[in-house]
Amino acid sequence: MGFHLPTEANFDKLMVALKSKLLTWSHNLLSLAGRILVANQVLLASMWYLAACWNPNPRMTSQVKGVIRNFIWGSKDAPTCAKVKWETLILSAAQGGLGIIDPKAQSEALLAKLMTRGLSPGG
C-alpha cells in the first residue's frame, strides 16, 4: 500500500515544519557558525526523509534555499540580500565556503543511495 500524497502536499508539509523550526531557532542569538550548524543539523535534516524518496523540483529547492539563506543572514520573514553566493555557501570551509548542505545535491545523493541499495544483491 503506502502513503500516497502528491509531491506538492508533501512539500507543503515540509515547508510548514521548516518554518516552525525556524521560528523556534530565530529567537536565539546565534553566531554565524551556530546558524550554519542549525541550518544543516535541524532545518535541512527535516527535508532528508522526504528527499530520500523523491527529487524536489527547482521551485521547491529554491524555496528551501531562500528560507535557509534568510536564516543564515539573519532575516526572519522578509527576503534578504545574500552576502555570499549560494554556490560559495555550499563549499567546505577549506574551499572558502560555509559548508551548507545543498538540498538538490543531497536529494540526488539520497536517491542514488536508494537505487544502489535496490540494485545490490540482498538489498
N, C-alpha and C. Protein backbone atom coordinates (compact mmCIF):
# COMPACT_ATOMS: atom_id res chain seq x y z
N MET A 1 0.84 -1.16 0.00
CA MET A 1 0.00 0.00 0.00
C MET A 1 0.90 1.24 0.00
N GLY A 2 1.02 1.95 1.07
CA GLY A 2 1.91 3.10 1.12
C GLY A 2 1.16 4.40 1.35
N PHE A 3 1.92 5.42 1.51
CA PHE A 3 1.40 6.75 1.79
C PHE A 3 1.45 7.55 0.50
N HIS A 4 0.31 7.74 -0.15
CA HIS A 4 0.29 8.36 -1.47
C HIS A 4 -0.26 9.77 -1.41
N LEU A 5 0.62 10.72 -1.11
CA LEU A 5 0.27 12.12 -1.19
C LEU A 5 1.00 12.71 -2.39
N PRO A 6 0.39 13.63 -3.08
CA PRO A 6 1.11 14.28 -4.17
C PRO A 6 2.36 14.98 -3.62
N THR A 7 3.37 15.10 -4.45
CA THR A 7 4.62 15.72 -4.05
C THR A 7 4.40 17.11 -3.47
N GLU A 8 3.53 17.89 -4.07
CA GLU A 8 3.26 19.25 -3.59
C GLU A 8 2.74 19.23 -2.15
N ALA A 9 1.87 18.28 -1.82
CA ALA A 9 1.34 18.19 -0.46
C ALA A 9 2.44 17.83 0.52
N ASN A 10 3.31 16.91 0.13
CA ASN A 10 4.45 16.56 0.98
C ASN A 10 5.34 17.77 1.19
N PHE A 11 5.59 18.51 0.13
CA PHE A 11 6.46 19.67 0.21
C PHE A 11 5.84 20.76 1.08
N ASP A 12 4.54 20.96 0.94
CA ASP A 12 3.88 21.98 1.77
C ASP A 12 4.02 21.64 3.25
N LYS A 13 3.86 20.37 3.60
CA LYS A 13 4.04 19.96 4.99
C LYS A 13 5.49 20.18 5.44
N LEU A 14 6.42 19.89 4.55
CA LEU A 14 7.83 20.11 4.85
C LEU A 14 8.10 21.59 5.12
N MET A 15 7.56 22.47 4.29
CA MET A 15 7.79 23.91 4.47
C MET A 15 7.17 24.41 5.76
N VAL A 16 6.01 23.90 6.14
CA VAL A 16 5.40 24.29 7.41
C VAL A 16 6.30 23.86 8.56
N ALA A 17 6.82 22.64 8.51
CA ALA A 17 7.71 22.15 9.57
C ALA A 17 9.01 22.96 9.59
N LEU A 18 9.54 23.27 8.43
CA LEU A 18 10.78 24.04 8.33
C LEU A 18 10.61 25.43 8.93
N LYS A 19 9.51 26.09 8.59
CA LYS A 19 9.26 27.44 9.11
C LYS A 19 8.96 27.42 10.60
N SER A 20 8.32 26.36 11.08
CA SER A 20 8.07 26.23 12.52
C SER A 20 9.39 26.10 13.29
N LYS A 21 10.28 25.27 12.78
CA LYS A 21 11.60 25.12 13.41
C LYS A 21 12.39 26.41 13.33
N LEU A 22 12.24 27.09 12.21
CA LEU A 22 12.94 28.36 12.02
C LEU A 22 12.50 29.38 13.06
N LEU A 23 11.20 29.45 13.34
CA LEU A 23 10.70 30.38 14.36
C LEU A 23 11.30 30.07 15.73
N THR A 24 11.41 28.80 16.04
CA THR A 24 11.98 28.39 17.33
C THR A 24 13.42 28.86 17.44
N TRP A 25 14.20 28.65 16.40
CA TRP A 25 15.62 28.96 16.45
C TRP A 25 15.94 30.42 16.20
N SER A 26 15.07 31.16 15.53
CA SER A 26 15.38 32.54 15.18
C SER A 26 15.35 33.47 16.39
N HIS A 27 14.77 33.02 17.51
CA HIS A 27 14.74 33.84 18.71
C HIS A 27 16.05 33.78 19.49
N ASN A 28 16.89 32.83 19.16
CA ASN A 28 18.18 32.69 19.85
C ASN A 28 19.23 33.57 19.19
N LEU A 29 20.10 34.11 19.99
CA LEU A 29 21.23 34.87 19.45
C LEU A 29 22.33 33.88 19.11
N LEU A 30 22.46 33.59 17.85
CA LEU A 30 23.44 32.61 17.39
C LEU A 30 24.51 33.29 16.55
N SER A 31 25.71 32.80 16.67
CA SER A 31 26.78 33.26 15.79
C SER A 31 26.53 32.72 14.39
N LEU A 32 27.33 33.15 13.43
CA LEU A 32 27.21 32.62 12.08
C LEU A 32 27.45 31.12 12.08
N ALA A 33 28.46 30.68 12.83
CA ALA A 33 28.74 29.24 12.92
C ALA A 33 27.56 28.50 13.54
N GLY A 34 26.90 29.09 14.53
CA GLY A 34 25.73 28.48 15.15
C GLY A 34 24.56 28.38 14.19
N ARG A 35 24.35 29.42 13.39
CA ARG A 35 23.26 29.39 12.40
C ARG A 35 23.52 28.34 11.32
N ILE A 36 24.78 28.20 10.93
CA ILE A 36 25.14 27.18 9.94
C ILE A 36 24.86 25.79 10.50
N LEU A 37 25.25 25.56 11.75
CA LEU A 37 25.02 24.27 12.40
C LEU A 37 23.52 23.97 12.49
N VAL A 38 22.73 24.95 12.90
CA VAL A 38 21.28 24.75 13.00
C VAL A 38 20.69 24.51 11.60
N ALA A 39 21.15 25.25 10.61
CA ALA A 39 20.63 25.06 9.25
C ALA A 39 20.88 23.64 8.76
N ASN A 40 22.09 23.14 8.96
CA ASN A 40 22.43 21.80 8.47
C ASN A 40 21.82 20.69 9.31
N GLN A 41 21.88 20.81 10.62
CA GLN A 41 21.51 19.70 11.50
C GLN A 41 20.05 19.70 11.94
N VAL A 42 19.37 20.84 11.85
CA VAL A 42 17.98 20.90 12.29
C VAL A 42 17.04 21.21 11.13
N LEU A 43 17.28 22.33 10.47
CA LEU A 43 16.35 22.76 9.43
C LEU A 43 16.38 21.85 8.21
N LEU A 44 17.56 21.65 7.65
CA LEU A 44 17.66 20.81 6.45
C LEU A 44 17.44 19.33 6.75
N ALA A 45 17.74 18.90 7.96
CA ALA A 45 17.56 17.49 8.30
C ALA A 45 16.10 17.06 8.17
N SER A 46 15.17 17.98 8.37
CA SER A 46 13.76 17.63 8.23
C SER A 46 13.40 17.34 6.78
N MET A 47 14.23 17.76 5.86
CA MET A 47 13.96 17.54 4.44
C MET A 47 14.47 16.19 3.96
N TRP A 48 15.47 15.63 4.62
CA TRP A 48 16.15 14.44 4.09
C TRP A 48 15.25 13.20 4.05
N TYR A 49 14.31 13.08 4.95
CA TYR A 49 13.41 11.92 4.95
C TYR A 49 12.62 11.88 3.64
N LEU A 50 12.04 13.01 3.27
CA LEU A 50 11.28 13.06 2.02
C LEU A 50 12.19 13.03 0.81
N ALA A 51 13.34 13.68 0.91
CA ALA A 51 14.25 13.75 -0.24
C ALA A 51 14.83 12.39 -0.59
N ALA A 52 14.80 11.45 0.34
CA ALA A 52 15.29 10.10 0.04
C ALA A 52 14.33 9.35 -0.88
N CYS A 53 13.11 9.87 -1.05
CA CYS A 53 12.10 9.18 -1.86
C CYS A 53 11.72 9.91 -3.14
N TRP A 54 11.95 11.21 -3.18
CA TRP A 54 11.60 11.97 -4.38
C TRP A 54 12.54 13.14 -4.53
N ASN A 55 12.68 13.57 -5.77
CA ASN A 55 13.57 14.68 -6.09
C ASN A 55 12.75 15.96 -6.18
N PRO A 56 12.98 16.93 -5.30
CA PRO A 56 12.19 18.17 -5.37
C PRO A 56 12.46 18.93 -6.66
N ASN A 57 11.42 19.58 -7.17
CA ASN A 57 11.59 20.34 -8.40
C ASN A 57 12.34 21.64 -8.10
N PRO A 58 12.81 22.36 -9.13
CA PRO A 58 13.61 23.57 -8.90
C PRO A 58 12.91 24.63 -8.06
N ARG A 59 11.59 24.77 -8.20
CA ARG A 59 10.87 25.76 -7.39
C ARG A 59 10.94 25.41 -5.91
N MET A 60 10.77 24.12 -5.60
CA MET A 60 10.84 23.67 -4.21
C MET A 60 12.24 23.90 -3.64
N THR A 61 13.24 23.52 -4.41
CA THR A 61 14.62 23.70 -3.96
C THR A 61 14.91 25.17 -3.74
N SER A 62 14.43 26.02 -4.61
CA SER A 62 14.64 27.46 -4.48
C SER A 62 14.00 28.00 -3.20
N GLN A 63 12.81 27.52 -2.87
CA GLN A 63 12.14 27.95 -1.64
C GLN A 63 12.93 27.54 -0.41
N VAL A 64 13.41 26.32 -0.38
CA VAL A 64 14.19 25.84 0.76
C VAL A 64 15.47 26.65 0.89
N LYS A 65 16.14 26.88 -0.23
CA LYS A 65 17.37 27.66 -0.20
C LYS A 65 17.09 29.08 0.30
N GLY A 66 15.97 29.66 -0.09
CA GLY A 66 15.61 31.00 0.37
C GLY A 66 15.41 31.06 1.87
N VAL A 67 14.72 30.07 2.41
CA VAL A 67 14.50 30.02 3.86
C VAL A 67 15.82 29.88 4.59
N ILE A 68 16.69 29.01 4.10
CA ILE A 68 17.99 28.80 4.73
C ILE A 68 18.84 30.06 4.61
N ARG A 69 18.86 30.66 3.43
CA ARG A 69 19.62 31.89 3.22
C ARG A 69 19.17 32.99 4.17
N ASN A 70 17.86 33.17 4.31
CA ASN A 70 17.35 34.19 5.22
C ASN A 70 17.75 33.89 6.67
N PHE A 71 17.71 32.64 7.06
CA PHE A 71 18.10 32.28 8.41
C PHE A 71 19.60 32.55 8.64
N ILE A 72 20.42 32.16 7.67
CA ILE A 72 21.87 32.36 7.81
C ILE A 72 22.21 33.84 7.95
N TRP A 73 21.58 34.68 7.14
CA TRP A 73 21.93 36.10 7.14
C TRP A 73 21.06 36.92 8.07
N GLY A 74 20.20 36.29 8.84
CA GLY A 74 19.54 36.98 9.94
C GLY A 74 18.16 37.54 9.71
N SER A 75 17.50 37.30 8.59
CA SER A 75 16.16 37.80 8.37
C SER A 75 15.14 36.73 8.75
N LYS A 76 14.11 37.12 9.50
CA LYS A 76 13.10 36.14 9.92
C LYS A 76 12.08 35.86 8.83
N ASP A 77 11.56 36.90 8.21
CA ASP A 77 10.47 36.72 7.25
C ASP A 77 10.79 37.27 5.86
N ALA A 78 11.28 38.48 5.82
CA ALA A 78 11.49 39.15 4.53
C ALA A 78 12.70 38.59 3.81
N PRO A 79 12.63 38.53 2.49
CA PRO A 79 13.81 38.11 1.74
C PRO A 79 14.98 39.04 2.05
N THR A 80 16.13 38.48 2.16
CA THR A 80 17.30 39.27 2.48
C THR A 80 18.33 39.16 1.36
N CYS A 81 19.16 40.14 1.29
CA CYS A 81 20.23 40.12 0.28
C CYS A 81 21.32 39.20 0.78
N ALA A 82 21.60 38.17 0.03
CA ALA A 82 22.63 37.22 0.42
C ALA A 82 23.99 37.91 0.36
N LYS A 83 24.79 37.69 1.36
CA LYS A 83 26.11 38.30 1.42
C LYS A 83 27.15 37.50 0.63
N VAL A 84 26.80 36.24 0.36
CA VAL A 84 27.69 35.35 -0.39
C VAL A 84 26.81 34.52 -1.32
N LYS A 85 27.29 34.25 -2.53
CA LYS A 85 26.52 33.44 -3.48
C LYS A 85 26.30 32.03 -2.93
N TRP A 86 25.17 31.43 -3.29
CA TRP A 86 24.82 30.09 -2.82
C TRP A 86 25.91 29.09 -3.18
N GLU A 87 26.45 29.21 -4.38
CA GLU A 87 27.49 28.29 -4.83
C GLU A 87 28.71 28.34 -3.91
N THR A 88 28.96 29.48 -3.29
CA THR A 88 30.07 29.61 -2.34
C THR A 88 29.66 29.07 -0.97
N LEU A 89 28.42 29.31 -0.56
CA LEU A 89 27.95 28.83 0.74
C LEU A 89 28.07 27.32 0.89
N ILE A 90 27.85 26.59 -0.19
CA ILE A 90 27.84 25.14 -0.10
C ILE A 90 29.23 24.52 -0.17
N LEU A 91 30.24 25.34 -0.45
CA LEU A 91 31.61 24.82 -0.43
C LEU A 91 32.05 24.58 1.01
N SER A 92 33.00 23.68 1.19
CA SER A 92 33.53 23.43 2.52
C SER A 92 34.32 24.65 2.99
N ALA A 93 34.58 24.73 4.28
CA ALA A 93 35.35 25.84 4.83
C ALA A 93 36.75 25.88 4.23
N ALA A 94 37.33 24.72 3.98
CA ALA A 94 38.66 24.65 3.39
C ALA A 94 38.69 25.26 1.98
N GLN A 95 37.53 25.24 1.30
CA GLN A 95 37.43 25.79 -0.05
C GLN A 95 36.92 27.23 -0.03
N GLY A 96 36.72 27.81 1.16
CA GLY A 96 36.26 29.19 1.26
C GLY A 96 34.76 29.35 1.42
N GLY A 97 34.04 28.26 1.64
CA GLY A 97 32.59 28.33 1.81
C GLY A 97 32.20 28.22 3.27
N LEU A 98 30.91 28.01 3.50
CA LEU A 98 30.40 27.88 4.86
C LEU A 98 29.96 26.45 5.19
N GLY A 99 29.98 25.56 4.22
CA GLY A 99 29.64 24.17 4.47
C GLY A 99 28.15 23.90 4.59
N ILE A 100 27.31 24.75 4.00
CA ILE A 100 25.87 24.49 4.00
C ILE A 100 25.61 23.31 3.07
N ILE A 101 24.75 22.41 3.49
CA ILE A 101 24.40 21.25 2.66
C ILE A 101 23.44 21.72 1.57
N ASP A 102 23.77 21.42 0.34
CA ASP A 102 22.93 21.81 -0.79
C ASP A 102 21.75 20.85 -0.90
N PRO A 103 20.51 21.36 -0.79
CA PRO A 103 19.34 20.46 -0.83
C PRO A 103 19.25 19.64 -2.11
N LYS A 104 19.57 20.23 -3.25
CA LYS A 104 19.47 19.49 -4.52
C LYS A 104 20.50 18.37 -4.57
N ALA A 105 21.74 18.67 -4.24
CA ALA A 105 22.80 17.66 -4.28
C ALA A 105 22.53 16.55 -3.27
N GLN A 106 22.07 16.91 -2.08
CA GLN A 106 21.79 15.91 -1.05
C GLN A 106 20.63 15.01 -1.48
N SER A 107 19.61 15.61 -2.07
CA SER A 107 18.47 14.83 -2.55
C SER A 107 18.91 13.83 -3.61
N GLU A 108 19.74 14.29 -4.54
CA GLU A 108 20.23 13.39 -5.59
C GLU A 108 21.08 12.27 -5.00
N ALA A 109 21.89 12.59 -4.00
CA ALA A 109 22.73 11.57 -3.35
C ALA A 109 21.86 10.54 -2.62
N LEU A 110 20.82 11.00 -1.94
CA LEU A 110 19.93 10.07 -1.23
C LEU A 110 19.18 9.17 -2.21
N LEU A 111 18.75 9.73 -3.33
CA LEU A 111 18.07 8.92 -4.34
C LEU A 111 19.01 7.90 -4.96
N ALA A 112 20.26 8.31 -5.19
CA ALA A 112 21.26 7.37 -5.74
C ALA A 112 21.52 6.25 -4.75
N LYS A 113 21.56 6.58 -3.47
CA LYS A 113 21.76 5.56 -2.44
C LYS A 113 20.59 4.56 -2.43
N LEU A 114 19.38 5.09 -2.57
CA LEU A 114 18.20 4.24 -2.64
C LEU A 114 18.28 3.29 -3.84
N MET A 115 18.68 3.81 -4.98
CA MET A 115 18.80 2.98 -6.18
C MET A 115 19.90 1.94 -6.02
N THR A 116 21.02 2.32 -5.44
CA THR A 116 22.14 1.39 -5.24
C THR A 116 21.73 0.24 -4.34
N ARG A 117 21.02 0.58 -3.26
CA ARG A 117 20.56 -0.48 -2.36
C ARG A 117 19.56 -1.39 -3.04
N GLY A 118 18.71 -0.82 -3.88
CA GLY A 118 17.72 -1.63 -4.58
C GLY A 118 18.33 -2.55 -5.61
N LEU A 119 19.46 -2.16 -6.17
CA LEU A 119 20.10 -2.97 -7.21
C LEU A 119 21.11 -3.97 -6.66
N SER A 120 21.52 -3.78 -5.40
CA SER A 120 22.53 -4.67 -4.85
C SER A 120 21.90 -6.01 -4.44
N PRO A 121 22.67 -7.10 -4.53
CA PRO A 121 22.12 -8.40 -4.14
C PRO A 121 21.75 -8.41 -2.65
N GLY A 122 20.61 -8.93 -2.35
CA GLY A 122 20.14 -8.98 -0.96
C GLY A 122 19.61 -7.66 -0.46
N GLY A 123 19.54 -6.63 -1.33
CA GLY A 123 19.11 -5.28 -0.93
C GLY A 123 17.65 -5.18 -0.92
